[in-house]
Amino acid sequence: MKGTCLCGAIEVVAEPKNEVSLCHCSMCRKWSSGALHAVHCGPDVTFKGAEPKRYQSSEWAVRGFCGECGTNLFYHLLPTNEYILSAGLFDNPDFKLTLEIFTDEKPDYYDLNPHSKKMTAQEVFEQFAPKE
């Protein structure tokens, strides 16, 4: 499946799952001005056109964006080499909202899907953090 940034300078080729996750953590909210709507794409992601700008936002992740228009492109989880891409890059009406994470950090000024699974920050780290 192909997607693009707002200005079209970067094309993304990936096979996202049809499930959208929302992240309410403070970093994602600052990065996207709200909950990050994301699709998991695994390690096989290709970027064409302009090279994405990268910012290492933590010791375990790098965020990417278009240097021309500023579109948020990806969250690259380094321990698993998984790309989590912004859902809005793709024109796919089949995406379904299934999971919300860092719900304990979500501000009160918005609510989205009352039926999606919800996980606190602690639950996310317990399930997804690398095991030592």
N, C-alpha and C. Protein backbone atom coordinates (compact mmCIF):
# COMPACT_ATOMS: atom_id res chain seq x y z
N MET A 1 0.85 -1.16 0.00
CA MET A 1 0.00 0.00 0.00
C MET A 1 0.90 1.24 0.00
N LYS A 2 0.47 2.25 -0.71
CA LYS A 2 1.24 3.49 -0.80
C LYS A 2 0.53 4.62 -0.07
N GLY A 3 1.35 5.49 0.51
CA GLY A 3 0.85 6.68 1.16
C GLY A 3 1.81 7.82 0.90
N THR A 4 1.40 9.03 1.19
CA THR A 4 2.26 10.19 0.97
C THR A 4 2.11 11.20 2.10
N CYS A 5 3.13 12.05 2.20
CA CYS A 5 3.03 13.19 3.10
C CYS A 5 2.12 14.23 2.45
N LEU A 6 1.86 15.31 3.13
CA LEU A 6 0.96 16.35 2.65
C LEU A 6 1.41 16.95 1.32
N CYS A 7 2.70 17.22 1.17
CA CYS A 7 3.18 17.87 -0.06
C CYS A 7 3.55 16.88 -1.16
N GLY A 8 3.59 15.58 -0.84
CA GLY A 8 3.92 14.57 -1.84
C GLY A 8 5.41 14.36 -2.04
N ALA A 9 6.26 15.04 -1.29
CA ALA A 9 7.71 14.88 -1.45
C ALA A 9 8.19 13.50 -1.02
N ILE A 10 7.45 12.85 -0.11
CA ILE A 10 7.82 11.52 0.37
C ILE A 10 6.66 10.57 0.14
N GLU A 11 6.97 9.45 -0.50
CA GLU A 11 6.00 8.37 -0.66
C GLU A 11 6.44 7.22 0.24
N VAL A 12 5.48 6.62 0.90
CA VAL A 12 5.73 5.50 1.79
C VAL A 12 5.09 4.27 1.18
N VAL A 13 5.85 3.17 1.14
CA VAL A 13 5.31 1.90 0.68
C VAL A 13 5.43 0.92 1.85
N ALA A 14 4.29 0.36 2.28
CA ALA A 14 4.27 -0.55 3.42
C ALA A 14 3.02 -1.41 3.34
N GLU A 15 2.96 -2.39 4.21
CA GLU A 15 1.77 -3.23 4.33
C GLU A 15 1.21 -3.08 5.74
N PRO A 16 0.46 -2.01 5.97
CA PRO A 16 -0.07 -1.80 7.32
C PRO A 16 -1.18 -2.79 7.65
N LYS A 17 -1.28 -3.11 8.94
CA LYS A 17 -2.43 -3.86 9.40
C LYS A 17 -3.63 -2.93 9.27
N ASN A 18 -4.81 -3.47 9.17
CA ASN A 18 -6.01 -2.64 9.02
C ASN A 18 -6.52 -2.11 10.35
N GLU A 19 -5.69 -2.22 11.39
CA GLU A 19 -6.08 -1.77 12.72
C GLU A 19 -5.35 -0.49 13.06
N VAL A 20 -6.10 0.51 13.51
CA VAL A 20 -5.52 1.78 13.93
C VAL A 20 -5.43 1.78 15.46
N SER A 21 -4.28 2.22 15.94
CA SER A 21 -4.08 2.42 17.38
C SER A 21 -3.96 3.91 17.64
N LEU A 22 -4.45 4.34 18.78
CA LEU A 22 -4.30 5.73 19.20
C LEU A 22 -3.34 5.76 20.38
N CYS A 23 -2.38 6.68 20.34
CA CYS A 23 -1.48 6.86 21.47
C CYS A 23 -1.75 8.22 22.09
N HIS A 24 -2.05 8.21 23.39
CA HIS A 24 -2.36 9.44 24.12
C HIS A 24 -1.19 9.93 24.95
N CYS A 25 0.02 9.36 24.78
CA CYS A 25 1.15 9.80 25.61
C CYS A 25 1.48 11.26 25.31
N SER A 26 2.14 11.89 26.25
CA SER A 26 2.42 13.33 26.10
C SER A 26 3.31 13.60 24.89
N MET A 27 4.27 12.71 24.59
CA MET A 27 5.13 12.95 23.42
C MET A 27 4.34 12.89 22.12
N CYS A 28 3.48 11.88 21.97
CA CYS A 28 2.69 11.77 20.74
C CYS A 28 1.72 12.94 20.61
N ARG A 29 1.14 13.39 21.73
CA ARG A 29 0.22 14.53 21.66
C ARG A 29 0.95 15.81 21.26
N LYS A 30 2.17 16.00 21.75
CA LYS A 30 2.94 17.18 21.34
C LYS A 30 3.34 17.07 19.88
N TRP A 31 3.65 15.85 19.43
CA TRP A 31 4.11 15.62 18.06
C TRP A 31 2.98 15.79 17.06
N SER A 32 1.77 15.35 17.43
CA SER A 32 0.66 15.35 16.47
C SER A 32 -0.49 16.29 16.84
N SER A 33 -0.36 17.01 17.94
CA SER A 33 -1.39 17.93 18.41
C SER A 33 -2.69 17.22 18.75
N GLY A 34 -2.57 16.02 19.26
CA GLY A 34 -3.71 15.20 19.65
C GLY A 34 -3.24 13.76 19.74
N ALA A 35 -4.16 12.84 19.85
CA ALA A 35 -3.77 11.44 19.87
C ALA A 35 -3.15 11.06 18.53
N LEU A 36 -2.06 10.30 18.57
CA LEU A 36 -1.44 9.83 17.34
C LEU A 36 -2.26 8.66 16.81
N HIS A 37 -2.77 8.78 15.59
CA HIS A 37 -3.49 7.70 14.91
C HIS A 37 -2.45 6.93 14.11
N ALA A 38 -2.21 5.67 14.47
CA ALA A 38 -1.09 4.95 13.89
C ALA A 38 -1.47 3.54 13.45
N VAL A 39 -0.73 3.05 12.45
CA VAL A 39 -0.89 1.67 11.98
C VAL A 39 0.47 0.98 12.04
N HIS A 40 0.46 -0.25 12.52
CA HIS A 40 1.69 -1.03 12.63
C HIS A 40 2.02 -1.64 11.27
N CYS A 41 3.27 -1.47 10.84
CA CYS A 41 3.68 -1.92 9.51
C CYS A 41 4.85 -2.89 9.52
N GLY A 42 5.41 -3.21 10.67
CA GLY A 42 6.56 -4.09 10.72
C GLY A 42 7.82 -3.41 10.19
N PRO A 43 8.85 -4.19 9.88
CA PRO A 43 10.13 -3.61 9.47
C PRO A 43 10.23 -3.28 7.98
N ASP A 44 9.35 -3.81 7.17
CA ASP A 44 9.46 -3.66 5.72
C ASP A 44 8.73 -2.42 5.22
N VAL A 45 9.38 -1.27 5.37
CA VAL A 45 8.82 0.01 4.94
C VAL A 45 9.84 0.67 4.02
N THR A 46 9.36 1.19 2.89
CA THR A 46 10.23 1.87 1.93
C THR A 46 9.79 3.33 1.80
N PHE A 47 10.77 4.21 1.80
CA PHE A 47 10.51 5.64 1.60
C PHE A 47 11.09 6.03 0.25
N LYS A 48 10.29 6.70 -0.56
CA LYS A 48 10.73 7.16 -1.88
C LYS A 48 10.64 8.67 -1.94
N GLY A 49 11.49 9.27 -2.77
CA GLY A 49 11.50 10.73 -2.90
C GLY A 49 12.46 11.32 -1.89
N ALA A 50 12.04 12.39 -1.25
CA ALA A 50 12.90 13.07 -0.27
C ALA A 50 13.18 12.15 0.92
N GLU A 51 14.34 12.31 1.51
CA GLU A 51 14.72 11.53 2.69
C GLU A 51 13.99 12.09 3.91
N PRO A 52 13.31 11.23 4.69
CA PRO A 52 12.65 11.73 5.90
C PRO A 52 13.67 12.31 6.89
N LYS A 53 13.28 13.36 7.57
CA LYS A 53 14.07 13.89 8.68
C LYS A 53 13.77 13.00 9.88
N ARG A 54 14.77 12.81 10.73
CA ARG A 54 14.61 11.90 11.87
C ARG A 54 14.96 12.61 13.17
N TYR A 55 14.23 12.23 14.22
CA TYR A 55 14.47 12.77 15.55
C TYR A 55 14.38 11.63 16.55
N GLN A 56 15.47 11.39 17.30
CA GLN A 56 15.45 10.33 18.30
C GLN A 56 14.77 10.88 19.56
N SER A 57 13.53 10.48 19.77
CA SER A 57 12.72 11.02 20.86
C SER A 57 12.90 10.27 22.17
N SER A 58 13.52 9.11 22.13
CA SER A 58 13.81 8.33 23.34
C SER A 58 14.92 7.35 22.99
N GLU A 59 15.40 6.62 23.98
CA GLU A 59 16.47 5.66 23.70
C GLU A 59 15.98 4.47 22.87
N TRP A 60 14.67 4.28 22.79
CA TRP A 60 14.14 3.13 22.06
C TRP A 60 13.38 3.50 20.79
N ALA A 61 13.28 4.79 20.45
CA ALA A 61 12.48 5.14 19.27
C ALA A 61 12.99 6.38 18.56
N VAL A 62 12.78 6.37 17.24
CA VAL A 62 13.08 7.51 16.37
C VAL A 62 11.78 7.90 15.68
N ARG A 63 11.52 9.19 15.58
CA ARG A 63 10.34 9.69 14.88
C ARG A 63 10.80 10.32 13.57
N GLY A 64 10.00 10.15 12.53
CA GLY A 64 10.35 10.70 11.23
C GLY A 64 9.28 11.64 10.71
N PHE A 65 9.72 12.63 9.93
CA PHE A 65 8.79 13.61 9.38
C PHE A 65 9.33 14.14 8.07
N CYS A 66 8.47 14.74 7.27
CA CYS A 66 8.88 15.34 6.01
C CYS A 66 9.53 16.69 6.30
N GLY A 67 10.72 16.90 5.75
CA GLY A 67 11.43 18.16 5.94
C GLY A 67 10.83 19.31 5.15
N GLU A 68 9.97 19.01 4.19
CA GLU A 68 9.33 20.06 3.37
C GLU A 68 8.04 20.57 4.00
N CYS A 69 7.11 19.64 4.30
CA CYS A 69 5.79 20.06 4.78
C CYS A 69 5.57 19.78 6.27
N GLY A 70 6.46 19.00 6.88
CA GLY A 70 6.36 18.72 8.31
C GLY A 70 5.45 17.56 8.68
N THR A 71 4.88 16.86 7.70
CA THR A 71 4.00 15.74 8.01
C THR A 71 4.71 14.71 8.88
N ASN A 72 4.05 14.28 9.96
CA ASN A 72 4.57 13.21 10.80
C ASN A 72 4.42 11.90 10.04
N LEU A 73 5.53 11.20 9.85
CA LEU A 73 5.52 9.98 9.05
C LEU A 73 5.52 8.71 9.88
N PHE A 74 6.46 8.60 10.82
CA PHE A 74 6.61 7.32 11.51
C PHE A 74 7.18 7.46 12.90
N TYR A 75 6.95 6.39 13.65
CA TYR A 75 7.56 6.13 14.94
C TYR A 75 8.29 4.81 14.72
N HIS A 76 9.61 4.82 14.77
CA HIS A 76 10.41 3.61 14.52
C HIS A 76 10.86 3.05 15.85
N LEU A 77 10.30 1.91 16.22
CA LEU A 77 10.63 1.24 17.47
C LEU A 77 11.93 0.47 17.27
N LEU A 78 13.02 0.95 17.85
CA LEU A 78 14.35 0.41 17.57
C LEU A 78 14.57 -1.03 18.04
N PRO A 79 14.13 -1.44 19.25
CA PRO A 79 14.42 -2.82 19.68
C PRO A 79 13.84 -3.89 18.76
N THR A 80 12.70 -3.61 18.13
CA THR A 80 12.06 -4.61 17.26
C THR A 80 12.14 -4.24 15.78
N ASN A 81 12.73 -3.08 15.47
CA ASN A 81 12.83 -2.57 14.09
C ASN A 81 11.45 -2.42 13.44
N GLU A 82 10.44 -2.15 14.24
CA GLU A 82 9.08 -2.01 13.71
C GLU A 82 8.77 -0.55 13.42
N TYR A 83 8.15 -0.31 12.26
CA TYR A 83 7.68 1.02 11.90
C TYR A 83 6.20 1.12 12.22
N ILE A 84 5.86 2.17 12.93
CA ILE A 84 4.47 2.49 13.22
C ILE A 84 4.21 3.81 12.49
N LEU A 85 3.39 3.75 11.45
CA LEU A 85 3.19 4.90 10.57
C LEU A 85 1.91 5.66 10.90
N SER A 86 1.92 6.94 10.62
CA SER A 86 0.72 7.76 10.79
C SER A 86 -0.37 7.23 9.86
N ALA A 87 -1.53 6.94 10.42
CA ALA A 87 -2.62 6.36 9.63
C ALA A 87 -3.07 7.29 8.51
N GLY A 88 -2.95 8.59 8.71
CA GLY A 88 -3.40 9.56 7.72
C GLY A 88 -2.59 9.59 6.44
N LEU A 89 -1.45 8.91 6.42
CA LEU A 89 -0.66 8.84 5.18
C LEU A 89 -1.38 8.05 4.11
N PHE A 90 -2.25 7.14 4.53
CA PHE A 90 -2.90 6.21 3.62
C PHE A 90 -4.37 6.58 3.41
N ASP A 91 -4.84 6.43 2.20
CA ASP A 91 -6.25 6.63 1.91
C ASP A 91 -6.92 5.26 1.97
N ASN A 92 -7.26 4.81 3.17
CA ASN A 92 -7.80 3.48 3.36
C ASN A 92 -9.04 3.53 4.24
N PRO A 93 -10.21 3.40 3.66
CA PRO A 93 -11.43 3.42 4.46
C PRO A 93 -11.63 2.15 5.28
N ASP A 94 -10.79 1.12 5.09
CA ASP A 94 -10.96 -0.14 5.79
C ASP A 94 -10.28 -0.17 7.16
N PHE A 95 -9.52 0.86 7.51
CA PHE A 95 -8.88 0.89 8.83
C PHE A 95 -9.96 0.92 9.92
N LYS A 96 -9.71 0.18 11.01
CA LYS A 96 -10.62 0.14 12.15
C LYS A 96 -9.86 0.52 13.40
N LEU A 97 -10.42 1.40 14.22
CA LEU A 97 -9.83 1.77 15.49
C LEU A 97 -10.05 0.64 16.48
N THR A 98 -8.95 0.05 16.98
CA THR A 98 -9.08 -1.12 17.86
C THR A 98 -8.39 -0.97 19.21
N LEU A 99 -7.44 -0.04 19.33
CA LEU A 99 -6.66 0.04 20.56
C LEU A 99 -6.30 1.48 20.88
N GLU A 100 -6.39 1.83 22.15
CA GLU A 100 -5.91 3.13 22.64
C GLU A 100 -4.92 2.85 23.75
N ILE A 101 -3.73 3.49 23.67
CA ILE A 101 -2.71 3.28 24.69
C ILE A 101 -2.38 4.60 25.39
N PHE A 102 -1.78 4.46 26.58
CA PHE A 102 -1.49 5.60 27.45
C PHE A 102 -2.77 6.37 27.77
N THR A 103 -3.84 5.62 28.02
CA THR A 103 -5.13 6.25 28.30
C THR A 103 -5.11 7.04 29.61
N ASP A 104 -4.19 6.68 30.50
CA ASP A 104 -4.08 7.42 31.75
C ASP A 104 -3.46 8.80 31.55
N GLU A 105 -2.90 9.06 30.37
CA GLU A 105 -2.32 10.37 30.05
C GLU A 105 -3.23 11.20 29.14
N LYS A 106 -4.37 10.62 28.72
CA LYS A 106 -5.29 11.33 27.82
C LYS A 106 -5.93 12.50 28.54
N PRO A 107 -5.91 13.70 27.93
CA PRO A 107 -6.59 14.83 28.56
C PRO A 107 -8.10 14.67 28.46
N ASP A 108 -8.81 15.39 29.29
CA ASP A 108 -10.27 15.28 29.33
C ASP A 108 -10.98 15.97 28.18
N TYR A 109 -10.28 16.77 27.39
CA TYR A 109 -10.98 17.57 26.37
C TYR A 109 -11.37 16.79 25.12
N TYR A 110 -11.04 15.50 25.04
CA TYR A 110 -11.53 14.71 23.91
C TYR A 110 -11.80 13.27 24.33
N ASP A 111 -12.73 12.63 23.64
CA ASP A 111 -13.03 11.20 23.75
C ASP A 111 -13.26 10.69 22.35
N LEU A 112 -12.84 9.46 22.09
CA LEU A 112 -12.96 8.93 20.74
C LEU A 112 -13.83 7.68 20.74
N ASN A 113 -13.28 6.53 20.55
CA ASN A 113 -14.06 5.30 20.42
C ASN A 113 -14.33 4.67 21.79
N PRO A 114 -15.57 4.67 22.23
CA PRO A 114 -15.85 4.09 23.55
C PRO A 114 -15.72 2.57 23.58
N HIS A 115 -15.60 1.92 22.42
CA HIS A 115 -15.56 0.46 22.35
C HIS A 115 -14.17 -0.11 22.13
N SER A 116 -13.16 0.73 21.91
CA SER A 116 -11.81 0.21 21.67
C SER A 116 -11.18 -0.26 22.98
N LYS A 117 -10.26 -1.20 22.87
CA LYS A 117 -9.49 -1.65 24.02
C LYS A 117 -8.64 -0.48 24.50
N LYS A 118 -8.49 -0.33 25.81
CA LYS A 118 -7.72 0.78 26.37
C LYS A 118 -6.67 0.24 27.33
N MET A 119 -5.45 0.81 27.24
CA MET A 119 -4.34 0.38 28.09
C MET A 119 -3.65 1.59 28.71
N THR A 120 -3.33 1.51 29.99
CA THR A 120 -2.57 2.56 30.66
C THR A 120 -1.10 2.46 30.27
N ALA A 121 -0.30 3.46 30.65
CA ALA A 121 1.14 3.43 30.36
C ALA A 121 1.78 2.18 30.96
N GLN A 122 1.45 1.85 32.20
CA GLN A 122 2.03 0.68 32.85
C GLN A 122 1.68 -0.60 32.09
N GLU A 123 0.44 -0.73 31.66
CA GLU A 123 0.04 -1.92 30.91
C GLU A 123 0.79 -2.03 29.59
N VAL A 124 1.03 -0.89 28.92
CA VAL A 124 1.78 -0.89 27.66
C VAL A 124 3.20 -1.39 27.90
N PHE A 125 3.87 -0.83 28.91
CA PHE A 125 5.25 -1.24 29.18
C PHE A 125 5.33 -2.70 29.59
N GLU A 126 4.37 -3.18 30.37
CA GLU A 126 4.36 -4.58 30.78
C GLU A 126 4.22 -5.51 29.58
N GLN A 127 3.43 -5.11 28.60
CA GLN A 127 3.21 -5.97 27.44
C GLN A 127 4.27 -5.83 26.36
N PHE A 128 4.75 -4.60 26.09
CA PHE A 128 5.58 -4.38 24.92
C PHE A 128 7.05 -4.06 25.20
N ALA A 129 7.42 -3.73 26.42
CA ALA A 129 8.81 -3.37 26.69
C ALA A 129 9.72 -4.58 26.49
N PRO A 130 10.94 -4.34 25.97
CA PRO A 130 11.88 -5.45 25.80
C PRO A 130 12.16 -6.12 27.15
N LYS A 131 12.17 -7.43 27.15
CA LYS A 131 12.45 -8.19 28.37
C LYS A 131 13.96 -8.34 28.51
N GLU A 132 14.45 -8.07 29.69
CA GLU A 132 15.90 -8.16 29.90
C GLU A 132 16.30 -9.53 30.34
